[in-house]
C-alpha atoms as a PDB file:
ATOM      1  CA  MET A   1      84.118 213.896  40.922  1.00  0.00           C
ATOM      2  CA  LYS A   2      81.927 212.271  43.573  1.00  0.00           C
ATOM      3  CA  SER A   3      80.107 215.568  44.378  1.00  0.00           C
ATOM      4  CA  LYS A   4      78.617 215.599  40.880  1.00  0.00           C
ATOM      5  CA  ILE A   5      76.669 212.383  41.815  1.00  0.00           C
ATOM      6  CA  LEU A   6      74.711 214.447  44.262  1.00  0.00           C
ATOM      7  CA  ILE A   7      71.115 214.912  43.146  1.00  0.00           C
ATOM      8  CA  LEU A   8      71.638 216.006  39.549  1.00  0.00           C
ATOM      9  CA  ALA A   9      68.117 215.020  38.357  1.00  0.00           C
ATOM     10  CA  LEU A  10      64.766 216.073  39.573  1.00  0.00           C
ATOM     11  CA  LEU A  11      61.224 216.881  38.597  1.00  0.00           C
ATOM     12  CA  SER A  12      60.201 214.182  36.052  1.00  0.00           C
ATOM     13  CA  GLY A  13      56.670 215.776  35.703  1.00  0.00           C
ATOM     14  CA  PHE A  14      53.890 217.196  37.771  1.00  0.00           C
ATOM     15  CA  ALA A  15      51.351 214.596  36.775  1.00  0.00           C
ATOM     16  CA  THR A  16      52.958 212.013  38.963  1.00  0.00           C
ATOM     17  CA  ALA A  17      53.327 211.969  42.754  1.00  0.00           C
ATOM     18  CA  GLN A  18      56.338 211.790  44.954  1.00  0.00           C
ATOM     19  CA  THR A  19      57.087 208.124  44.160  1.00  0.00           C
ATOM     20  CA  THR A  20      57.695 208.883  40.524  1.00  0.00           C
ATOM     21  CA  LEU A  21      59.931 211.787  41.412  1.00  0.00           C
ATOM     22  CA  GLU A  22      62.075 209.476  43.587  1.00  0.00           C
ATOM     23  CA  ASN A  23      62.313 206.985  40.789  1.00  0.00           C
ATOM     24  CA  GLN A  24      63.540 209.644  38.380  1.00  0.00           C
ATOM     25  CA  ILE A  25      66.364 210.586  40.777  1.00  0.00           C
ATOM     26  CA  LYS A  26      67.355 206.898  41.205  1.00  0.00           C
ATOM     27  CA  THR A  27      67.444 206.535  37.385  1.00  0.00           C
ATOM     28  CA  TYR A  28      69.853 209.457  36.998  1.00  0.00           C
ATOM     29  CA  SER A  29      72.007 208.378  39.824  1.00  0.00           C
ATOM     30  CA  SER A  30      72.328 204.966  38.258  1.00  0.00           C
ATOM     31  CA  SER A  31      73.182 206.555  34.971  1.00  0.00           C
ATOM     32  CA  LEU A  32      75.937 208.521  36.585  1.00  0.00           C
ATOM     33  CA  GLU A  33      77.336 205.437  38.342  1.00  0.00           C
ATOM     34  CA  SER A  34      77.228 203.579  35.129  1.00  0.00           C
ATOM     35  CA  ILE A  35      79.237 206.240  33.271  1.00  0.00           C
ATOM     36  CA  ILE A  36      81.906 206.307  35.932  1.00  0.00           C
ATOM     37  CA  ALA A  37      82.169 202.476  36.073  1.00  0.00           C
ATOM     38  CA  SER A  38      82.457 202.282  32.269  1.00  0.00           C
ATOM     39  CA  GLU A  39      85.111 204.900  31.904  1.00  0.00           C
ATOM     40  CA  LYS A  40      87.118 203.505  34.817  1.00  0.00           C
ATOM     41  CA  THR A  41      87.068 200.036  33.120  1.00  0.00           C
ATOM     42  CA  LYS A  42      88.377 201.620  29.923  1.00  0.00           C
ATOM     43  CA  MET A  43      91.023 203.571  31.926  1.00  0.00           C
ATOM     44  CA  ARG A  44      92.253 200.430  33.647  1.00  0.00           C
ATOM     45  CA  ASP A  45      92.475 198.533  30.277  1.00  0.00           C
ATOM     46  CA  GLU A  46      94.752 201.287  28.837  1.00  0.00           C
ATOM     47  CA  ILE A  47      96.884 201.410  31.962  1.00  0.00           C
ATOM     48  CA  ALA A  48      97.235 197.531  31.748  1.00  0.00           C
ATOM     49  CA  VAL A  49      98.597 197.881  28.175  1.00  0.00           C
ATOM     50  CA  VAL A  50     101.133 200.443  29.337  1.00  0.00           C
ATOM     51  CA  GLU A  51     102.255 198.335  32.344  1.00  0.00           C
ATOM     52  CA  SER A  52     102.535 195.284  30.010  1.00  0.00           C
ATOM     53  CA  ALA A  53     104.808 197.435  27.759  1.00  0.00           C
ATOM     54  CA  TYR A  54     107.046 198.254  30.783  1.00  0.00           C
ATOM     55  CA  ASP A  55     107.195 194.633  31.907  1.00  0.00           C
ATOM     56  CA  GLU A  56     108.399 193.718  28.437  1.00  0.00           C
ATOM     57  CA  GLY A  57     111.123 196.430  28.598  1.00  0.00           C
ATOM     58  CA  LYS A  58     109.561 198.460  25.742  1.00  0.00           C
ATOM     59  CA  ILE A  59     109.388 201.607  27.857  1.00  0.00           C
ATOM     60  CA  THR A  60     111.168 203.074  30.805  1.00  0.00           C
ATOM     61  CA  LYS A  61     109.838 203.650  34.280  1.00  0.00           C
ATOM     62  CA  GLU A  62     109.617 207.394  33.601  1.00  0.00           C
ATOM     63  CA  GLU A  63     107.710 206.744  30.539  1.00  0.00           C
ATOM     64  CA  LEU A  64     105.425 204.432  32.430  1.00  0.00           C
ATOM     65  CA  ILE A  65     104.620 207.029  35.092  1.00  0.00           C
ATOM     66  CA  ASP A  66     104.012 209.805  32.519  1.00  0.00           C
ATOM     67  CA  GLN A  67     101.740 207.670  30.423  1.00  0.00           C
ATOM     68  CA  LYS A  68      99.699 206.496  33.389  1.00  0.00           C
ATOM     69  CA  LYS A  69      99.274 210.140  34.439  1.00  0.00           C
ATOM     70  CA  SER A  70      98.204 211.115  30.984  1.00  0.00           C
ATOM     71  CA  ILE A  71      95.624 208.283  30.765  1.00  0.00           C
ATOM     72  CA  SER A  72      94.200 209.220  34.170  1.00  0.00           C
ATOM     73  CA  GLU A  73      93.841 212.841  33.251  1.00  0.00           C
ATOM     74  CA  LYS A  74      92.227 211.914  29.983  1.00  0.00           C
ATOM     75  CA  TYR A  75      89.518 209.884  31.628  1.00  0.00           C
ATOM     76  CA  GLU A  76      89.004 212.320  34.368  1.00  0.00           C
ATOM     77  CA  THR A  77      88.129 214.863  31.611  1.00  0.00           C
ATOM     78  CA  ILE A  78      85.830 212.344  29.910  1.00  0.00           C
ATOM     79  CA  ILE A  79      83.971 211.544  33.080  1.00  0.00           C
ATOM     80  CA  ASN A  80      83.577 215.214  33.965  1.00  0.00           C
ATOM     81  CA  ASP A  81      82.225 216.072  30.477  1.00  0.00           C
ATOM     82  CA  LYS A  82      79.675 213.211  30.620  1.00  0.00           C
ATOM     83  CA  ILE A  83      78.480 214.196  34.071  1.00  0.00           C
ATOM     84  CA  GLU A  84      78.060 217.806  32.903  1.00  0.00           C
ATOM     85  CA  ALA A  85      75.859 216.398  30.094  1.00  0.00           C
ATOM     86  CA  GLN A  86      73.652 214.737  32.750  1.00  0.00           C
ATOM     87  CA  ARG A  87      73.382 218.176  34.454  1.00  0.00           C
ATOM     88  CA  SER A  88      71.997 219.529  31.171  1.00  0.00           C
ATOM     89  CA  LYS A  89      69.334 216.803  31.170  1.00  0.00           C
ATOM     90  CA  MET A  90      68.288 217.806  34.621  1.00  0.00           C
ATOM     91  CA  ASP A  91      67.995 221.488  33.372  1.00  0.00           C
ATOM     92  CA  SER A  92      65.917 220.347  30.415  1.00  0.00           C
ATOM     93  CA  ILE A  93      63.543 218.463  32.728  1.00  0.00           C
ATOM     94  CA  THR A  94      63.267 221.423  35.065  1.00  0.00           C
ATOM     95  CA  LYS A  95      62.377 223.713  32.153  1.00  0.00           C
ATOM     96  CA  SER A  96      59.671 221.395  30.824  1.00  0.00           C
ATOM     97  CA  THR A  97      58.158 221.150  34.275  1.00  0.00           C
ATOM     98  CA  VAL A  98      57.952 224.900  34.487  1.00  0.00           C
ATOM     99  CA  VAL A  99      56.275 225.102  31.114  1.00  0.00           C
ATOM    100  CA  ALA A 100      53.726 222.509  32.174  1.00  0.00           C
ATOM    101  CA  SER A 101      52.918 224.338  35.266  1.00  0.00           C
ATOM    102  CA  VAL A 102      52.544 227.776  33.683  1.00  0.00           C
ATOM    103  CA  PHE A 103      50.011 226.501  31.248  1.00  0.00           C
ATOM    104  CA  GLY A 104      48.228 224.591  34.061  1.00  0.00           C
ATOM    105  CA  ILE A 105      48.149 221.025  35.190  1.00  0.00           C
ATOM    106  CA  ASN A 106      44.724 219.433  35.244  1.00  0.00           C
ATOM    107  CA  ALA A 107      45.340 215.760  35.151  1.00  0.00           C
ATOM    108  CA  LYS A 108      42.378 213.919  36.669  1.00  0.00           C
ATOM    109  CA  ASN A 109      42.620 210.522  38.250  1.00  0.00           C
ATOM    110  CA  ASN A 110      39.339 208.908  37.368  1.00  0.00           C
ATOM    111  CA  SER A 111      39.524 206.290  40.179  1.00  0.00           C
ATOM    112  CA  ASN A 112      39.464 208.884  42.990  1.00  0.00           C
ATOM    113  CA  ASN A 113      38.651 212.121  41.202  1.00  0.00           C
ATOM    114  CA  ASN A 114      41.860 213.796  42.430  1.00  0.00           C
ATOM    115  CA  VAL A 115      43.178 216.820  40.560  1.00  0.00           C
ATOM    116  CA  TYR A 116      46.688 218.221  40.392  1.00  0.00           C
ATOM    117  CA  THR A 117      46.666 221.959  40.488  1.00  0.00           C
ATOM    118  CA  ASN A 118      49.113 224.888  40.325  1.00  0.00           C
ATOM    119  CA  SER A 119      48.713 228.203  42.149  1.00  0.00           C
ATOM    120  CA  SER A 120      49.820 231.745  41.624  1.00  0.00           C
ATOM    121  CA  GLY A 121      53.459 233.008  41.860  1.00  0.00           C
ATOM    122  CA  ILE A 122      56.467 232.291  39.772  1.00  0.00           C
ATOM    123  CA  VAL A 123      55.650 228.593  39.913  1.00  0.00           C
ATOM    124  CA  SER A 124      54.084 226.878  42.932  1.00  0.00           C
ATOM    125  CA  VAL A 125      52.600 223.439  42.327  1.00  0.00           C
ATOM    126  CA  ASP A 126      50.756 221.000  44.642  1.00  0.00           C
ATOM    127  CA  ILE A 127      51.336 217.446  43.447  1.00  0.00           C
ATOM    128  CA  ASN A 128      49.844 215.657  46.400  1.00  0.00           C
ATOM    129  CA  ALA A 129      46.506 214.472  45.166  1.00  0.00           C
ATOM    130  CA  THR A 130      45.575 212.753  48.414  1.00  0.00           C
ATOM    131  CA  LYS A 131      44.923 216.081  50.330  1.00  0.00           C
ATOM    132  CA  ASN A 132      41.436 217.099  51.338  1.00  0.00           C
ATOM    133  CA  LYS A 133      41.142 220.414  49.484  1.00  0.00           C
ATOM    134  CA  ASN A 134      38.765 221.753  52.091  1.00  0.00           C
ATOM    135  CA  ASN A 135      40.953 220.950  55.070  1.00  0.00           C
ATOM    136  CA  PRO A 136      43.286 223.966  55.798  1.00  0.00           C
ATOM    137  CA  LYS A 137      45.373 221.920  58.260  1.00  0.00           C
ATOM    138  CA  LYS A 138      46.647 219.888  55.243  1.00  0.00           C
ATOM    139  CA  TYR A 139      48.465 223.032  53.863  1.00  0.00           C
ATOM    140  CA  ILE A 140      50.048 224.159  57.011  1.00  0.00           C
ATOM    141  CA  ASN A 141      52.765 221.587  57.783  1.00  0.00           C
ATOM    142  CA  THR A 142      54.126 220.624  54.366  1.00  0.00           C
ATOM    143  CA  THR A 143      57.095 218.998  52.726  1.00  0.00           C
ATOM    144  CA  SER A 144      58.352 220.700  49.557  1.00  0.00           C
ATOM    145  CA  THR A 145      61.101 221.039  46.980  1.00  0.00           C
ATOM    146  CA  SER A 146      62.197 224.514  45.820  1.00  0.00           C
ATOM    147  CA  ILE A 147      64.498 225.785  43.033  1.00  0.00           C
ATOM    148  CA  ASN A 148      66.117 229.087  43.660  1.00  0.00           C
ATOM    149  CA  TYR A 149      68.175 231.370  41.387  1.00  0.00           C
ATOM    150  CA  ALA A 150      70.258 234.381  42.533  1.00  0.00           C
ATOM    151  CA  PHE A 151      72.764 236.855  41.212  1.00  0.00           C
ATOM    152  CA  LEU A 152      75.914 236.751  43.289  1.00  0.00           C
ATOM    153  CA  ASN A 153      78.850 239.031  43.908  1.00  0.00           C
ATOM    154  CA  LEU A 154      81.869 239.500  46.264  1.00  0.00           C
ATOM    155  CA  THR A 155      82.352 242.214  48.873  1.00  0.00           C
ATOM    156  CA  LYS A 156      85.573 243.585  50.508  1.00  0.00           C
ATOM    157  CA  ASP A 157      83.811 244.156  53.843  1.00  0.00           C
ATOM    158  CA  LYS A 158      82.516 241.149  55.716  1.00  0.00           C
ATOM    159  CA  GLY A 159      79.655 243.208  56.958  1.00  0.00           C
ATOM    160  CA  SER A 160      78.606 244.771  53.538  1.00  0.00           C
ATOM    161  CA  PHE A 161      75.109 244.006  52.265  1.00  0.00           C
ATOM    162  CA  ASN A 162      75.536 245.728  48.985  1.00  0.00           C
ATOM    163  CA  PRO A 163      75.315 243.195  46.067  1.00  0.00           C
ATOM    164  CA  PHE A 164      76.205 245.767  43.506  1.00  0.00           C
ATOM    165  CA  GLU A 165      79.832 246.489  44.492  1.00  0.00           C
ATOM    166  CA  ASP A 166      81.968 247.330  41.315  1.00  0.00           C
ATOM    167  CA  ASP A 167      85.419 246.495  42.748  1.00  0.00           C
ATOM    168  CA  SER A 168      84.950 242.848  43.273  1.00  0.00           C
ATOM    169  CA  GLN A 169      86.300 241.972  39.741  1.00  0.00           C
ATOM    170  CA  MET A 170      83.220 239.748  39.208  1.00  0.00           C
ATOM    171  CA  ARG A 171      80.657 240.279  36.537  1.00  0.00           C
ATOM    172  CA  PHE A 172      77.434 240.962  38.327  1.00  0.00           C
ATOM    173  CA  GLY A 173      74.424 239.585  36.407  1.00  0.00           C
ATOM    174  CA  ASN A 174      76.595 236.809  34.934  1.00  0.00           C
ATOM    175  CA  SER A 175      77.791 235.374  38.250  1.00  0.00           C
ATOM    176  CA  HIS A 176      74.915 233.389  39.718  1.00  0.00           C
ATOM    177  CA  SER A 177      73.885 230.775  42.180  1.00  0.00           C
ATOM    178  CA  PHE A 178      71.519 227.843  41.587  1.00  0.00           C
ATOM    179  CA  GLU A 179      70.018 225.894  44.522  1.00  0.00           C
ATOM    180  CA  ILE A 180      67.777 222.904  44.971  1.00  0.00           C
ATOM    181  CA  GLN A 181      66.350 222.726  48.409  1.00  0.00           C
ATOM    182  CA  PHE A 182      64.291 219.892  50.070  1.00  0.00           C
ATOM    183  CA  ARG A 183      62.534 221.296  53.126  1.00  0.00           C
ATOM    184  CA  ARG A 184      59.893 220.927  55.723  1.00  0.00           C
ATOM    185  CA  ASP A 185      57.582 223.700  57.038  1.00  0.00           C
ATOM    186  CA  MET A 186      56.167 223.482  60.634  1.00  0.00           C
ATOM    187  CA  GLN A 187      53.754 225.889  62.210  1.00  0.00           C
ATOM    188  CA  LEU A 188      54.795 227.160  65.586  1.00  0.00           C
ATOM    189  CA  GLY A 189      51.975 227.362  68.235  1.00  0.00           C
ATOM    190  CA  ASN A 190      48.228 226.684  67.566  1.00  0.00           C
ATOM    191  CA  GLU A 191      46.526 226.356  64.284  1.00  0.00           C
ATOM    192  CA  ALA A 192      45.964 230.106  63.968  1.00  0.00           C
ATOM    193  CA  SER A 193      49.612 231.038  64.670  1.00  0.00           C
ATOM    194  CA  PRO A 194      51.354 233.175  61.977  1.00  0.00           C
ATOM    195  CA  TRP A 195      54.800 231.832  63.007  1.00  0.00           C
ATOM    196  CA  PHE A 196      56.548 229.055  60.992  1.00  0.00           C
ATOM    197  CA  PHE A 197      59.772 227.174  61.195  1.00  0.00           C
ATOM    198  CA  ARG A 198      61.498 225.789  58.023  1.00  0.00           C
ATOM    199  CA  TYR A 199      64.452 223.384  57.825  1.00  0.00           C
ATOM    200  CA  GLY A 200      65.930 221.169  55.132  1.00  0.00           C
ATOM    201  CA  ILE A 201      68.915 220.157  52.999  1.00  0.00           C
ATOM    202  CA  ALA A 202      70.199 221.905  49.801  1.00  0.00           C
ATOM    203  CA  TYR A 203      72.392 221.331  46.840  1.00  0.00           C
ATOM    204  CA  ARG A 204      73.959 224.705  45.806  1.00  0.00           C
ATOM    205  CA  THR A 205      76.297 225.776  43.049  1.00  0.00           C
ATOM    206  CA  ASP A 206      77.875 229.214  42.902  1.00  0.00           C
ATOM    207  CA  THR A 207      79.428 230.313  39.590  1.00  0.00           C
ATOM    208  CA  TYR A 208      81.823 233.290  39.677  1.00  0.00           C
ATOM    209  CA  MET A 209      82.634 234.883  36.346  1.00  0.00           C
ATOM    210  CA  PRO A 210      85.422 237.439  36.499  1.00  0.00           C
ATOM    211  CA  LYS A 211      85.497 240.565  34.390  1.00  0.00           C
ATOM    212  CA  ARG A 212      87.096 240.051  31.010  1.00  0.00           C
ATOM    213  CA  PRO A 213      89.780 239.255  30.103  1.00  0.00           C
ATOM    214  CA  GLN A 214      90.641 237.887  33.649  1.00  0.00           C
ATOM    215  CA  VAL A 215      90.853 234.182  34.600  1.00  0.00           C
ATOM    216  CA  PHE A 216      91.369 232.411  37.842  1.00  0.00           C
ATOM    217  CA  VAL A 217      94.874 231.024  38.170  1.00  0.00           C
ATOM    218  CA  GLN A 218      96.265 228.669  40.787  1.00  0.00           C
ATOM    219  CA  ASN A 219     100.045 228.670  41.181  1.00  0.00           C
ATOM    220  CA  ASN A 220     102.151 227.539  44.181  1.00  0.00           C
ATOM    221  CA  GLN A 221      99.017 226.983  46.318  1.00  0.00           C
ATOM    222  CA  GLU A 222      97.908 230.597  45.684  1.00  0.00           C
ATOM    223  CA  LEU A 223      94.750 231.611  43.829  1.00  0.00           C
ATOM    224  CA  TYR A 224      94.489 234.846  41.986  1.00  0.00           C
ATOM    225  CA  LEU A 225      93.278 236.691  38.880  1.00  0.00           C
ATOM    226  CA  GLU A 226      95.269 237.518  35.877  1.00  0.00           C
ATOM    227  CA  ASN A 227      94.617 238.632  32.291  1.00  0.00           C
ATOM    228  CA  PHE A 228      94.252 235.830  29.792  1.00  0.00           C
ATOM    229  CA  GLU A 229      97.019 236.016  27.144  1.00  0.00           C
ATOM    230  CA  ASN A 230      96.770 232.844  25.195  1.00  0.00           C
ATOM    231  CA  GLY A 231      94.418 234.101  22.507  1.00  0.00           C
ATOM    232  CA  SER A 232      90.822 235.476  22.792  1.00  0.00           C
ATOM    233  CA  LEU A 233      88.965 234.586  25.917  1.00  0.00           C
ATOM    234  CA  LYS A 234      85.336 233.440  25.440  1.00  0.00           C
ATOM    235  CA  ARG A 235      84.299 232.588  28.963  1.00  0.00           C
ATOM    236  CA  SER A 236      86.025 232.027  32.293  1.00  0.00           C
ATOM    237  CA  LYS A 237      84.414 230.870  35.600  1.00  0.00           C
ATOM    238  CA  LEU A 238      84.913 229.363  38.951  1.00  0.00           C
ATOM    239  CA  ARG A 239      82.175 227.061  40.277  1.00  0.00           C
ATOM    240  CA  ASN A 240      81.898 226.120  43.995  1.00  0.00           C
ATOM    241  CA  VAL A 241      79.582 223.202  44.812  1.00  0.00           C
ATOM    242  CA  TYR A 242      78.129 223.075  48.332  1.00  0.00           C
ATOM    243  CA  LEU A 243      75.840 220.841  50.377  1.00  0.00           C
ATOM    244  CA  THR A 244      74.031 223.041  52.944  1.00  0.00           C
ATOM    245  CA  LEU A 245      71.612 222.708  55.975  1.00  0.00           C
ATOM    246  CA  PRO A 246      69.276 225.814  55.882  1.00  0.00           C
ATOM    247  CA  VAL A 247      66.904 226.781  58.617  1.00  0.00           C
ATOM    248  CA  GLU A 248      64.497 229.721  58.721  1.00  0.00           C
ATOM    249  CA  PHE A 249      61.813 231.443  60.851  1.00  0.00           C
ATOM    250  CA  GLN A 250      58.922 233.065  58.985  1.00  0.00           C
ATOM    251  CA  VAL A 251      56.053 235.198  60.166  1.00  0.00           C
ATOM    252  CA  VAL A 252      52.849 236.072  58.188  1.00  0.00           C
ATOM    253  CA  LEU A 253      52.150 239.777  58.406  1.00  0.00           C
ATOM    254  CA  ASN A 254      48.605 239.897  57.373  1.00  0.00           C
ATOM    255  CA  PRO A 255      47.205 236.413  58.285  1.00  0.00           C
ATOM    256  CA  LYS A 256      44.041 235.144  56.887  1.00  0.00           C
ATOM    257  CA  TYR A 257      41.864 232.547  58.514  1.00  0.00           C
ATOM    258  CA  LYS A 258      39.405 229.749  57.784  1.00  0.00           C
ATOM    259  CA  GLU A 259      36.905 227.962  59.992  1.00  0.00           C
ATOM    260  CA  TYR A 260      36.907 224.165  59.660  1.00  0.00           C
ATOM    261  CA  GLU A 261      35.061 221.746  61.940  1.00  0.00           C
ATOM    262  CA  GLY A 262      34.785 224.195  64.779  1.00  0.00           C
ATOM    263  CA  LYS A 263      38.446 225.362  64.721  1.00  0.00           C
ATOM    264  CA  THR A 264      40.178 228.466  63.311  1.00  0.00           C
ATOM    265  CA  TYR A 265      43.081 227.806  61.025  1.00  0.00           C
ATOM    266  CA  ILE A 266      45.450 230.135  59.234  1.00  0.00           C
ATOM    267  CA  ASP A 267      44.538 229.654  55.528  1.00  0.00           C
ATOM    268  CA  ALA A 268      47.942 228.813  53.929  1.00  0.00           C
ATOM    269  CA  ARG A 269      46.295 228.810  50.470  1.00  0.00           C
ATOM    270  CA  LYS A 270      45.496 232.516  50.545  1.00  0.00           C
ATOM    271  CA  LYS A 271      47.944 235.162  49.427  1.00  0.00           C
ATOM    272  CA  MET A 272      49.624 236.713  52.426  1.00  0.00           C
ATOM    273  CA  PHE A 273      52.670 238.885  53.007  1.00  0.00           C
ATOM    274  CA  LYS A 274      55.475 237.215  54.913  1.00  0.00           C
ATOM    275  CA  ILE A 275      58.932 237.901  56.045  1.00  0.00           C
ATOM    276  CA  GLY A 276      61.584 235.326  56.976  1.00  0.00           C
ATOM    277  CA  LEU A 277      65.010 235.296  58.708  1.00  0.00           C
ATOM    278  CA  GLY A 278      67.208 232.341  58.529  1.00  0.00           C
ATOM    279  CA  ALA A 279      70.691 230.807  58.500  1.00  0.00           C
ATOM    280  CA  TYR A 280      72.583 228.067  56.770  1.00  0.00           C
ATOM    281  CA  ALA A 281      75.726 226.062  57.125  1.00  0.00           C
ATOM    282  CA  GLY A 282      77.433 223.913  54.499  1.00  0.00           C
ATOM    283  CA  ILE A 283      80.432 222.192  53.200  1.00  0.00           C
ATOM    284  CA  ASN A 284      82.202 222.774  49.967  1.00  0.00           C
ATOM    285  CA  THR A 285      82.284 219.417  48.050  1.00  0.00           C
ATOM    286  CA  ARG A 286      84.122 220.699  44.883  1.00  0.00           C
ATOM    287  CA  SER A 287      85.708 223.867  43.281  1.00  0.00           C
ATOM    288  CA  ILE A 288      86.481 223.833  39.635  1.00  0.00           C
ATOM    289  CA  VAL A 289      87.896 226.441  37.147  1.00  0.00           C
ATOM    290  CA  LYS A 290      86.660 226.377  33.570  1.00  0.00           C
ATOM    291  CA  VAL A 291      88.023 228.485  30.694  1.00  0.00           C
ATOM    292  CA  LYS A 292      86.877 228.555  27.128  1.00  0.00           C
ATOM    293  CA  TYR A 293      88.908 230.534  24.509  1.00  0.00           C
ATOM    294  CA  TYR A 294      90.085 230.865  20.911  1.00  0.00           C
ATOM    295  CA  ASN A 295      93.839 230.330  20.495  1.00  0.00           C
ATOM    296  CA  PRO A 296      96.114 232.700  18.414  1.00  0.00           C
ATOM    297  CA  GLU A 297      95.304 230.651  15.320  1.00  0.00           C
ATOM    298  CA  GLY A 298      91.483 231.224  15.948  1.00  0.00           C
ATOM    299  CA  LYS A 299      90.735 227.550  17.002  1.00  0.00           C
ATOM    300  CA  PHE A 300      88.368 227.002  19.773  1.00  0.00           C
ATOM    301  CA  ASP A 301      89.839 225.349  22.929  1.00  0.00           C
ATOM    302  CA  LYS A 302      89.145 224.903  26.640  1.00  0.00           C
ATOM    303  CA  TYR A 303      90.609 223.648  29.832  1.00  0.00           C
ATOM    304  CA  GLN A 304      89.442 222.979  33.356  1.00  0.00           C
ATOM    305  CA  TYR A 305      91.027 221.963  36.669  1.00  0.00           C
ATOM    306  CA  THR A 306      89.909 221.370  40.317  1.00  0.00           C
ATOM    307  CA  LEU A 307      91.248 223.780  42.913  1.00  0.00           C
ATOM    308  CA  ASP A 308      93.325 222.368  45.631  1.00  0.00           C
ATOM    309  CA  ASP A 309      93.603 225.630  47.674  1.00  0.00           C
ATOM    310  CA  GLY A 310      92.182 229.047  47.876  1.00  0.00           C
ATOM    311  CA  VAL A 311      88.518 228.261  48.767  1.00  0.00           C
ATOM    312  CA  ASN A 312      87.169 227.630  52.243  1.00  0.00           C
ATOM    313  CA  SER A 313      85.851 224.290  52.980  1.00  0.00           C
ATOM    314  CA  PHE A 314      82.988 225.400  55.121  1.00  0.00           C
ATOM    315  CA  LEU A 315      80.238 227.965  54.721  1.00  0.00           C
ATOM    316  CA  PHE A 316      77.969 229.886  57.086  1.00  0.00           C
ATOM    317  CA  GLY A 317      75.636 232.642  56.362  1.00  0.00           C
ATOM    318  CA  GLY A 318      72.217 234.319  56.831  1.00  0.00           C
ATOM    319  CA  LYS A 319      69.089 234.868  54.738  1.00  0.00           C
ATOM    320  CA  LEU A 320      66.350 237.475  54.612  1.00  0.00           C
ATOM    321  CA  THR A 321      63.189 236.602  52.738  1.00  0.00           C
ATOM    322  CA  LEU A 322      60.295 238.828  51.657  1.00  0.00           C
ATOM    323  CA  GLY A 323      57.216 237.105  50.053  1.00  0.00           C
ATOM    324  CA  TYR A 324      53.675 237.552  48.916  1.00  0.00           C
ATOM    325  CA  GLY A 325      51.811 234.229  48.258  1.00  0.00           C
ATOM    326  CA  SER A 326      54.176 231.994  46.303  1.00  0.00           C
ATOM    327  CA  PHE A 327      56.300 234.949  45.170  1.00  0.00           C
ATOM    328  CA  ASN A 328      59.473 235.106  47.226  1.00  0.00           C
ATOM    329  CA  LEU A 329      62.571 237.406  46.944  1.00  0.00           C
ATOM    330  CA  PHE A 330      65.656 236.876  49.160  1.00  0.00           C
ATOM    331  CA  ILE A 331      69.115 238.077  49.998  1.00  0.00           C
ATOM    332  CA  LYS A 332      71.755 235.854  51.317  1.00  0.00           C
ATOM    333  CA  LYS A 333      74.905 237.022  53.034  1.00  0.00           C
ATOM    334  CA  ASP A 334      77.920 234.532  53.563  1.00  0.00           C
ATOM    335  CA  PHE A 335      79.291 235.381  56.929  1.00  0.00           C
ATOM    336  CA  THR A 336      82.394 233.239  56.382  1.00  0.00           C
ATOM    337  CA  PRO A 337      84.597 234.336  53.453  1.00  0.00           C
ATOM    338  CA  ILE A 338      84.327 232.325  50.301  1.00  0.00           C
ATOM    339  CA  PHE A 339      88.083 232.533  49.708  1.00  0.00           C
ATOM    340  CA  ASN A 340      90.790 231.850  52.309  1.00  0.00           C
ATOM    341  CA  ASP A 341      94.247 233.361  52.953  1.00  0.00           C
ATOM    342  CA  LYS A 342      95.727 231.377  50.122  1.00  0.00           C
ATOM    343  CA  SER A 343      93.760 233.424  47.680  1.00  0.00           C
ATOM    344  CA  ILE A 344      94.949 236.862  46.473  1.00  0.00           C
ATOM    345  CA  LEU A 345      91.721 238.478  45.587  1.00  0.00           C
ATOM    346  CA  PRO A 346      90.403 242.028  46.231  1.00  0.00           C
ATOM    347  CA  SER A 347      87.027 240.746  47.601  1.00  0.00           C
ATOM    348  CA  LYS A 348      86.413 237.417  49.346  1.00  0.00           C
ATOM    349  CA  ASN A 349      82.952 237.645  50.946  1.00  0.00           C
ATOM    350  CA  GLY A 350      79.901 236.384  49.070  1.00  0.00           C
ATOM    351  CA  ILE A 351      76.368 238.013  48.763  1.00  0.00           C
ATOM    352  CA  GLN A 352      73.283 237.036  46.727  1.00  0.00           C
ATOM    353  CA  ILE A 353      70.066 238.588  45.728  1.00  0.00           C
ATOM    354  CA  GLY A 354      67.516 236.186  44.087  1.00  0.00           C
ATOM    355  CA  ILE A 355      64.060 234.667  43.666  1.00  0.00           C
ATOM    356  CA  GLU A 356      62.342 231.377  44.243  1.00  0.00           C
ATOM    357  CA  LEU A 357      61.626 229.980  40.846  1.00  0.00           C
ATOM    358  CA  VAL A 358      59.699 226.718  41.506  1.00  0.00           C
ATOM    359  CA  ASN A 359      58.070 225.345  44.629  1.00  0.00           C
ATOM    360  CA  LEU A 360      56.774 221.748  44.690  1.00  0.00           C
ATOM    361  CA  ASP A 361      54.410 220.778  47.580  1.00  0.00           C
ATOM    362  CA  PHE A 362      54.170 217.108  48.447  1.00  0.00           C
END
């Protein structure tokens, strides 16, 4: 539950600077904390009523335990559903931000004549209005936020780099990864050097959707797949949530330069080909199974539960990036298995192929 409080809201709008973005994050964090506090208060009130009934001899100790467990599970579901709704708000903000950037941002600040602009690529936006547009040094060492989307799959072989394996039992194209990354780019060497180093912190969710009609099942500390037999399956998925620390070395293949105040700088605003090689390490903060279905009577129903076993707590992998300008493709390979020895699955090793959707430079 606590992991869902991690950075679930970003990108309040490109016509504001970094301070506004930070305020938006604080607002959403406060909203989540308020939801949890409110529902916990209600839960304690209901439990107090049950405990009072036990003290008065109206229910047995066994009934007390069962009712307290039922109340706790009910409010856990309520809290999870409300936090998922907050995630939807974040997605909505992200979409509106993308639309604004695609149609172009041109919000002048009359007091200092600063202009917010967006450059080419999927979406690459500079929201730092204080930069000197003619100074190439201002565009070399930057702080940014990126949003990445990838299709993911599982492989049997730890060394396999094939994201299209059919025997993984996962639905490729439906299984996906979403990552929000806060990062810092640093040039290595002098101002004309084509070498760069990138590091940061990222919030990542991997969603595995098994081939129909299979669902993930946890039984006696074992995790496995089995056919769903309680009606008509609509959707089944396992979501892993990670907090990761990525690092990456990048080299510009066709560097372009600009002269400024007697020095030669690499011109980061020009479109150039680049290649990157990186690694990441992370920790699993939560794994949850969600199933939606229609029961034998045709009524829609759903259930979810948090995994206790079957998924590794730590993650380590590598990343290869190919880019042109602000257009970046990547492939990620998880060197540590996603699933541990308590899972009975045909494939346990993760691989991703994806694209950088949004990049915000501060």
